[in-house]
């Protein structure tokens, strides 16, 4: 049992080091040797858990995406109205991005790089299924604009990454009023105007 825990700890240390180094240096300036050094393991140890750097980055992306969506959908119930469900999910995502800034920054970088392969992206999208199902129901009920899910995400969820980055830089401090205004803007961007 102790051996298994030690193995899990090493893998977790590699994932954590990958996130930190990619956030600070970018994907291409993060060699495996630096990841191993930061994780306090030998470079050869990485290959016990991951095939190569691509696999390490993809698996880290999937792990973080799973954490992100687990957090986002924690209190979500499929019987909620579309508007209430979206509000809950949106505010949980905002909370994650502000509280779990390192993980959120890593995901934001992953969204803007060809480093993540298509198979891993598709696995990441599967984690968003409750939101996609909510939007499908909203479209069917005439509440959500009949647009591509990519456009819905771009207009309603993606702005949170921008706000998170500006707050991290110290350019803008999000308070409750700003978050509520941001939520109202997100909801207005995807709901059908009646």
C-alpha atoms as a PDB file:
ATOM      1  CA  UNK A   1       0.000   0.000   0.000  1.00  0.00           C
ATOM      2  CA  UNK A   2       2.832   2.410   0.891  1.00  0.00           C
ATOM      3  CA  UNK A   3       4.498   1.603  -2.443  1.00  0.00           C
ATOM      4  CA  UNK A   4       1.283   2.430  -4.323  1.00  0.00           C
ATOM      5  CA  UNK A   5       0.927   5.743  -2.455  1.00  0.00           C
ATOM      6  CA  UNK A   6       4.559   6.606  -3.226  1.00  0.00           C
ATOM      7  CA  UNK A   7       3.860   5.936  -6.916  1.00  0.00           C
ATOM      8  CA  UNK A   8       0.734   8.150  -6.828  1.00  0.00           C
ATOM      9  CA  UNK A   9       2.711  10.887  -5.051  1.00  0.00           C
ATOM     10  CA  UNK A  10       5.430  10.801  -7.736  1.00  0.00           C
ATOM     11  CA  UNK A  11       2.900  11.027 -10.548  1.00  0.00           C
ATOM     12  CA  UNK A  12       1.116  13.897  -8.765  1.00  0.00           C
ATOM     13  CA  UNK A  13       4.442  15.695  -8.253  1.00  0.00           C
ATOM     14  CA  UNK A  14       5.165  15.379 -11.991  1.00  0.00           C
ATOM     15  CA  UNK A  15       1.722  16.757 -12.877  1.00  0.00           C
ATOM     16  CA  UNK A  16       2.108  19.649 -10.412  1.00  0.00           C
ATOM     17  CA  UNK A  17       5.588  20.479 -11.747  1.00  0.00           C
ATOM     18  CA  UNK A  18       4.297  20.386 -15.323  1.00  0.00           C
ATOM     19  CA  UNK A  19       1.498  22.824 -14.490  1.00  0.00           C
ATOM     20  CA  UNK A  20       3.819  25.241 -12.702  1.00  0.00           C
ATOM     21  CA  UNK A  21       6.552  25.167 -15.347  1.00  0.00           C
ATOM     22  CA  UNK A  22       4.156  25.457 -18.299  1.00  0.00           C
ATOM     23  CA  UNK A  23       2.394  28.390 -16.606  1.00  0.00           C
ATOM     24  CA  UNK A  24       5.701  30.172 -16.003  1.00  0.00           C
ATOM     25  CA  UNK A  25       7.683  29.216 -19.120  1.00  0.00           C
ATOM     26  CA  UNK A  26       5.255  27.934 -21.748  1.00  0.00           C
ATOM     27  CA  UNK A  27       5.125  24.448 -23.258  1.00  0.00           C
ATOM     28  CA  UNK A  28       8.242  24.628 -25.409  1.00  0.00           C
ATOM     29  CA  UNK A  29      10.474  26.066 -22.671  1.00  0.00           C
ATOM     30  CA  UNK A  30       9.555  23.246 -20.283  1.00  0.00           C
ATOM     31  CA  UNK A  31      11.939  20.349 -20.876  1.00  0.00           C
ATOM     32  CA  UNK A  32      11.445  16.992 -19.201  1.00  0.00           C
ATOM     33  CA  UNK A  33      14.659  17.501 -17.211  1.00  0.00           C
ATOM     34  CA  UNK A  34      13.202  20.620 -15.527  1.00  0.00           C
ATOM     35  CA  UNK A  35       9.945  18.821 -14.776  1.00  0.00           C
ATOM     36  CA  UNK A  36      11.839  15.924 -13.187  1.00  0.00           C
ATOM     37  CA  UNK A  37      14.033  18.284 -11.153  1.00  0.00           C
ATOM     38  CA  UNK A  38      11.057  20.264  -9.835  1.00  0.00           C
ATOM     39  CA  UNK A  39       9.168  17.032  -9.029  1.00  0.00           C
ATOM     40  CA  UNK A  40      12.284  15.770  -7.239  1.00  0.00           C
ATOM     41  CA  UNK A  41      12.497  12.567  -9.316  1.00  0.00           C
ATOM     42  CA  UNK A  42      15.025  11.257 -11.799  1.00  0.00           C
ATOM     43  CA  UNK A  43      14.286  12.043 -15.465  1.00  0.00           C
ATOM     44  CA  UNK A  44      13.916   8.294 -16.131  1.00  0.00           C
ATOM     45  CA  UNK A  45      11.092   8.125 -13.564  1.00  0.00           C
ATOM     46  CA  UNK A  46       8.869  10.239 -15.826  1.00  0.00           C
ATOM     47  CA  UNK A  47       8.832   7.391 -18.349  1.00  0.00           C
ATOM     48  CA  UNK A  48       7.373   5.010 -15.787  1.00  0.00           C
ATOM     49  CA  UNK A  49       4.202   7.129 -15.820  1.00  0.00           C
ATOM     50  CA  UNK A  50       4.193   8.810 -19.236  1.00  0.00           C
ATOM     51  CA  UNK A  51       5.330   7.765 -22.715  1.00  0.00           C
ATOM     52  CA  UNK A  52       6.870  11.150 -23.553  1.00  0.00           C
ATOM     53  CA  UNK A  53       6.391  14.882 -23.032  1.00  0.00           C
ATOM     54  CA  UNK A  54       3.306  14.908 -25.263  1.00  0.00           C
ATOM     55  CA  UNK A  55       1.703  12.170 -23.150  1.00  0.00           C
ATOM     56  CA  UNK A  56       2.640  13.981 -19.922  1.00  0.00           C
ATOM     57  CA  UNK A  57       1.056  17.229 -21.134  1.00  0.00           C
ATOM     58  CA  UNK A  58      -2.055  15.467 -22.484  1.00  0.00           C
ATOM     59  CA  UNK A  59      -2.568  13.468 -19.272  1.00  0.00           C
ATOM     60  CA  UNK A  60      -2.028  16.582 -17.154  1.00  0.00           C
ATOM     61  CA  UNK A  61      -4.610  18.395 -19.281  1.00  0.00           C
ATOM     62  CA  UNK A  62      -7.155  15.564 -18.842  1.00  0.00           C
ATOM     63  CA  UNK A  63      -6.505  15.395 -15.067  1.00  0.00           C
ATOM     64  CA  UNK A  64      -6.936  19.145 -14.609  1.00  0.00           C
ATOM     65  CA  UNK A  65      -9.999  19.242 -16.885  1.00  0.00           C
ATOM     66  CA  UNK A  66     -11.589  16.468 -14.793  1.00  0.00           C
ATOM     67  CA  UNK A  67     -10.918  18.434 -11.565  1.00  0.00           C
ATOM     68  CA  UNK A  68     -12.295  21.595 -13.147  1.00  0.00           C
ATOM     69  CA  UNK A  69     -15.533  20.003 -14.279  1.00  0.00           C
ATOM     70  CA  UNK A  70     -15.995  18.043 -11.047  1.00  0.00           C
ATOM     71  CA  UNK A  71     -15.829  21.386  -9.247  1.00  0.00           C
ATOM     72  CA  UNK A  72     -18.079  23.144 -11.779  1.00  0.00           C
ATOM     73  CA  UNK A  73     -20.878  20.554 -11.635  1.00  0.00           C
ATOM     74  CA  UNK A  74     -20.684  19.708  -7.918  1.00  0.00           C
ATOM     75  CA  UNK A  75     -24.151  21.004  -6.953  1.00  0.00           C
ATOM     76  CA  UNK A  76     -25.732  20.855 -10.407  1.00  0.00           C
ATOM     77  CA  UNK A  77     -29.016  18.990 -10.752  1.00  0.00           C
ATOM     78  CA  UNK A  78     -30.503  18.197 -14.168  1.00  0.00           C
ATOM     79  CA  UNK A  79     -33.988  19.102 -12.870  1.00  0.00           C
ATOM     80  CA  UNK A  80     -32.965  22.768 -12.428  1.00  0.00           C
ATOM     81  CA  UNK A  81     -34.306  25.298 -14.891  1.00  0.00           C
ATOM     82  CA  UNK A  82     -31.906  26.094 -17.740  1.00  0.00           C
ATOM     83  CA  UNK A  83     -31.263  29.580 -16.353  1.00  0.00           C
ATOM     84  CA  UNK A  84     -30.669  28.404 -12.753  1.00  0.00           C
ATOM     85  CA  UNK A  85     -28.495  25.517 -13.927  1.00  0.00           C
ATOM     86  CA  UNK A  86     -26.393  27.793 -16.112  1.00  0.00           C
ATOM     87  CA  UNK A  87     -26.036  30.346 -13.316  1.00  0.00           C
ATOM     88  CA  UNK A  88     -24.850  27.686 -10.872  1.00  0.00           C
ATOM     89  CA  UNK A  89     -22.363  26.191 -13.348  1.00  0.00           C
ATOM     90  CA  UNK A  90     -21.077  29.596 -14.473  1.00  0.00           C
ATOM     91  CA  UNK A  91     -20.530  30.801 -10.909  1.00  0.00           C
ATOM     92  CA  UNK A  92     -18.800  27.543  -9.932  1.00  0.00           C
ATOM     93  CA  UNK A  93     -16.513  27.890 -12.976  1.00  0.00           C
ATOM     94  CA  UNK A  94     -15.752  31.493 -11.985  1.00  0.00           C
ATOM     95  CA  UNK A  95     -15.008  30.352  -8.443  1.00  0.00           C
ATOM     96  CA  UNK A  96     -12.657  27.623  -9.721  1.00  0.00           C
ATOM     97  CA  UNK A  97     -10.817  30.034 -12.017  1.00  0.00           C
ATOM     98  CA  UNK A  98     -10.268  32.481  -9.171  1.00  0.00           C
ATOM     99  CA  UNK A  99      -9.467  29.962  -6.409  1.00  0.00           C
ATOM    100  CA  UNK A 100      -7.586  27.361  -8.459  1.00  0.00           C
ATOM    101  CA  UNK A 101      -5.722  29.924 -10.502  1.00  0.00           C
ATOM    102  CA  UNK A 102      -2.717  27.723 -11.399  1.00  0.00           C
ATOM    103  CA  UNK A 103      -4.918  24.935 -12.755  1.00  0.00           C
ATOM    104  CA  UNK A 104      -7.159  27.436 -14.555  1.00  0.00           C
ATOM    105  CA  UNK A 105      -4.122  29.165 -16.106  1.00  0.00           C
ATOM    106  CA  UNK A 106      -2.858  25.798 -17.318  1.00  0.00           C
ATOM    107  CA  UNK A 107      -6.223  25.030 -18.954  1.00  0.00           C
ATOM    108  CA  UNK A 108      -6.269  28.478 -20.569  1.00  0.00           C
ATOM    109  CA  UNK A 109      -2.830  27.777 -22.056  1.00  0.00           C
ATOM    110  CA  UNK A 110      -4.007  24.366 -23.246  1.00  0.00           C
ATOM    111  CA  UNK A 111      -6.961  25.983 -25.007  1.00  0.00           C
ATOM    112  CA  UNK A 112      -4.513  28.075 -27.038  1.00  0.00           C
ATOM    113  CA  UNK A 113      -1.852  25.562 -28.051  1.00  0.00           C
ATOM    114  CA  UNK A 114      -1.477  22.795 -30.600  1.00  0.00           C
ATOM    115  CA  UNK A 115       0.424  20.802 -27.924  1.00  0.00           C
ATOM    116  CA  UNK A 116      -2.781  19.066 -26.782  1.00  0.00           C
ATOM    117  CA  UNK A 117      -3.715  16.329 -29.249  1.00  0.00           C
ATOM    118  CA  UNK A 118      -7.244  15.965 -30.605  1.00  0.00           C
ATOM    119  CA  UNK A 119      -7.983  12.751 -28.697  1.00  0.00           C
ATOM    120  CA  UNK A 120      -7.154  14.485 -25.399  1.00  0.00           C
ATOM    121  CA  UNK A 121      -9.260  17.515 -26.372  1.00  0.00           C
ATOM    122  CA  UNK A 122     -12.206  15.212 -27.073  1.00  0.00           C
ATOM    123  CA  UNK A 123     -11.739  13.557 -23.662  1.00  0.00           C
ATOM    124  CA  UNK A 124     -11.674  17.030 -22.112  1.00  0.00           C
ATOM    125  CA  UNK A 125     -14.911  17.987 -23.886  1.00  0.00           C
ATOM    126  CA  UNK A 126     -16.618  14.841 -22.529  1.00  0.00           C
ATOM    127  CA  UNK A 127     -16.091  16.243 -19.041  1.00  0.00           C
ATOM    128  CA  UNK A 128     -18.253  19.238 -20.053  1.00  0.00           C
ATOM    129  CA  UNK A 129     -21.198  17.026 -21.026  1.00  0.00           C
ATOM    130  CA  UNK A 130     -23.597  18.299 -18.311  1.00  0.00           C
ATOM    131  CA  UNK A 131     -23.167  21.864 -19.622  1.00  0.00           C
ATOM    132  CA  UNK A 132     -23.580  20.734 -23.234  1.00  0.00           C
ATOM    133  CA  UNK A 133     -26.725  18.787 -22.269  1.00  0.00           C
ATOM    134  CA  UNK A 134     -28.087  21.851 -20.449  1.00  0.00           C
ATOM    135  CA  UNK A 135     -27.488  23.972 -23.542  1.00  0.00           C
ATOM    136  CA  UNK A 136     -29.160  21.344 -25.756  1.00  0.00           C
ATOM    137  CA  UNK A 137     -32.204  21.418 -23.473  1.00  0.00           C
ATOM    138  CA  UNK A 138     -32.126  25.225 -23.495  1.00  0.00           C
ATOM    139  CA  UNK A 139     -32.038  25.295 -27.309  1.00  0.00           C
ATOM    140  CA  UNK A 140     -34.918  22.815 -27.491  1.00  0.00           C
ATOM    141  CA  UNK A 141     -36.967  24.898 -25.033  1.00  0.00           C
ATOM    142  CA  UNK A 142     -36.194  28.118 -26.963  1.00  0.00           C
ATOM    143  CA  UNK A 143     -34.245  29.630 -24.041  1.00  0.00           C
ATOM    144  CA  UNK A 144     -30.695  29.349 -25.436  1.00  0.00           C
ATOM    145  CA  UNK A 145     -29.735  30.731 -28.853  1.00  0.00           C
ATOM    146  CA  UNK A 146     -29.512  27.964 -31.471  1.00  0.00           C
ATOM    147  CA  UNK A 147     -25.750  28.431 -31.946  1.00  0.00           C
ATOM    148  CA  UNK A 148     -22.764  26.117 -31.954  1.00  0.00           C
ATOM    149  CA  UNK A 149     -21.667  24.998 -28.484  1.00  0.00           C
ATOM    150  CA  UNK A 150     -18.241  26.433 -29.337  1.00  0.00           C
ATOM    151  CA  UNK A 151     -19.797  29.882 -29.809  1.00  0.00           C
ATOM    152  CA  UNK A 152     -21.839  29.534 -26.633  1.00  0.00           C
ATOM    153  CA  UNK A 153     -18.664  28.630 -24.731  1.00  0.00           C
ATOM    154  CA  UNK A 154     -16.670  31.425 -26.374  1.00  0.00           C
ATOM    155  CA  UNK A 155     -19.196  34.087 -25.402  1.00  0.00           C
ATOM    156  CA  UNK A 156     -20.264  32.876 -21.987  1.00  0.00           C
ATOM    157  CA  UNK A 157     -17.401  30.921 -20.377  1.00  0.00           C
ATOM    158  CA  UNK A 158     -14.190  31.996 -22.101  1.00  0.00           C
ATOM    159  CA  UNK A 159     -14.342  35.627 -20.880  1.00  0.00           C
ATOM    160  CA  UNK A 160     -13.690  34.242 -17.387  1.00  0.00           C
ATOM    161  CA  UNK A 161     -10.160  33.300 -18.485  1.00  0.00           C
ATOM    162  CA  UNK A 162      -9.511  36.890 -19.545  1.00  0.00           C
ATOM    163  CA  UNK A 163     -10.832  38.212 -16.229  1.00  0.00           C
ATOM    164  CA  UNK A 164      -8.756  35.675 -14.289  1.00  0.00           C
ATOM    165  CA  UNK A 165      -5.572  36.694 -16.127  1.00  0.00           C
ATOM    166  CA  UNK A 166      -6.196  40.433 -15.644  1.00  0.00           C
ATOM    167  CA  UNK A 167      -6.798  39.835 -11.938  1.00  0.00           C
ATOM    168  CA  UNK A 168      -3.625  37.726 -11.648  1.00  0.00           C
ATOM    169  CA  UNK A 169      -1.642  40.554 -13.270  1.00  0.00           C
ATOM    170  CA  UNK A 170      -3.125  42.998 -10.769  1.00  0.00           C
ATOM    171  CA  UNK A 171      -4.804  45.077 -13.498  1.00  0.00           C
ATOM    172  CA  UNK A 172      -8.340  44.478 -12.267  1.00  0.00           C
ATOM    173  CA  UNK A 173      -9.807  43.174  -9.028  1.00  0.00           C
ATOM    174  CA  UNK A 174     -12.991  41.143  -9.361  1.00  0.00           C
ATOM    175  CA  UNK A 175     -15.465  41.773  -6.574  1.00  0.00           C
ATOM    176  CA  UNK A 176     -19.008  40.430  -6.114  1.00  0.00           C
ATOM    177  CA  UNK A 177     -20.512  43.245  -8.189  1.00  0.00           C
ATOM    178  CA  UNK A 178     -18.118  42.623 -11.085  1.00  0.00           C
ATOM    179  CA  UNK A 179     -18.791  38.887 -10.972  1.00  0.00           C
ATOM    180  CA  UNK A 180     -22.538  39.448 -11.034  1.00  0.00           C
ATOM    181  CA  UNK A 181     -22.155  41.879 -13.965  1.00  0.00           C
ATOM    182  CA  UNK A 182     -19.965  39.331 -15.758  1.00  0.00           C
ATOM    183  CA  UNK A 183     -22.539  36.594 -15.154  1.00  0.00           C
ATOM    184  CA  UNK A 184     -25.390  38.800 -16.443  1.00  0.00           C
ATOM    185  CA  UNK A 185     -23.328  39.584 -19.562  1.00  0.00           C
ATOM    186  CA  UNK A 186     -22.613  35.883 -20.099  1.00  0.00           C
ATOM    187  CA  UNK A 187     -26.276  34.936 -19.717  1.00  0.00           C
ATOM    188  CA  UNK A 188     -27.401  37.786 -21.992  1.00  0.00           C
ATOM    189  CA  UNK A 189     -24.948  36.642 -24.680  1.00  0.00           C
ATOM    190  CA  UNK A 190     -26.502  33.172 -24.996  1.00  0.00           C
ATOM    191  CA  UNK A 191     -30.176  33.533 -24.029  1.00  0.00           C
ATOM    192  CA  UNK A 192     -32.887  34.120 -26.581  1.00  0.00           C
ATOM    193  CA  UNK A 193     -34.200  37.670 -26.297  1.00  0.00           C
ATOM    194  CA  UNK A 194     -37.958  37.753 -25.885  1.00  0.00           C
END
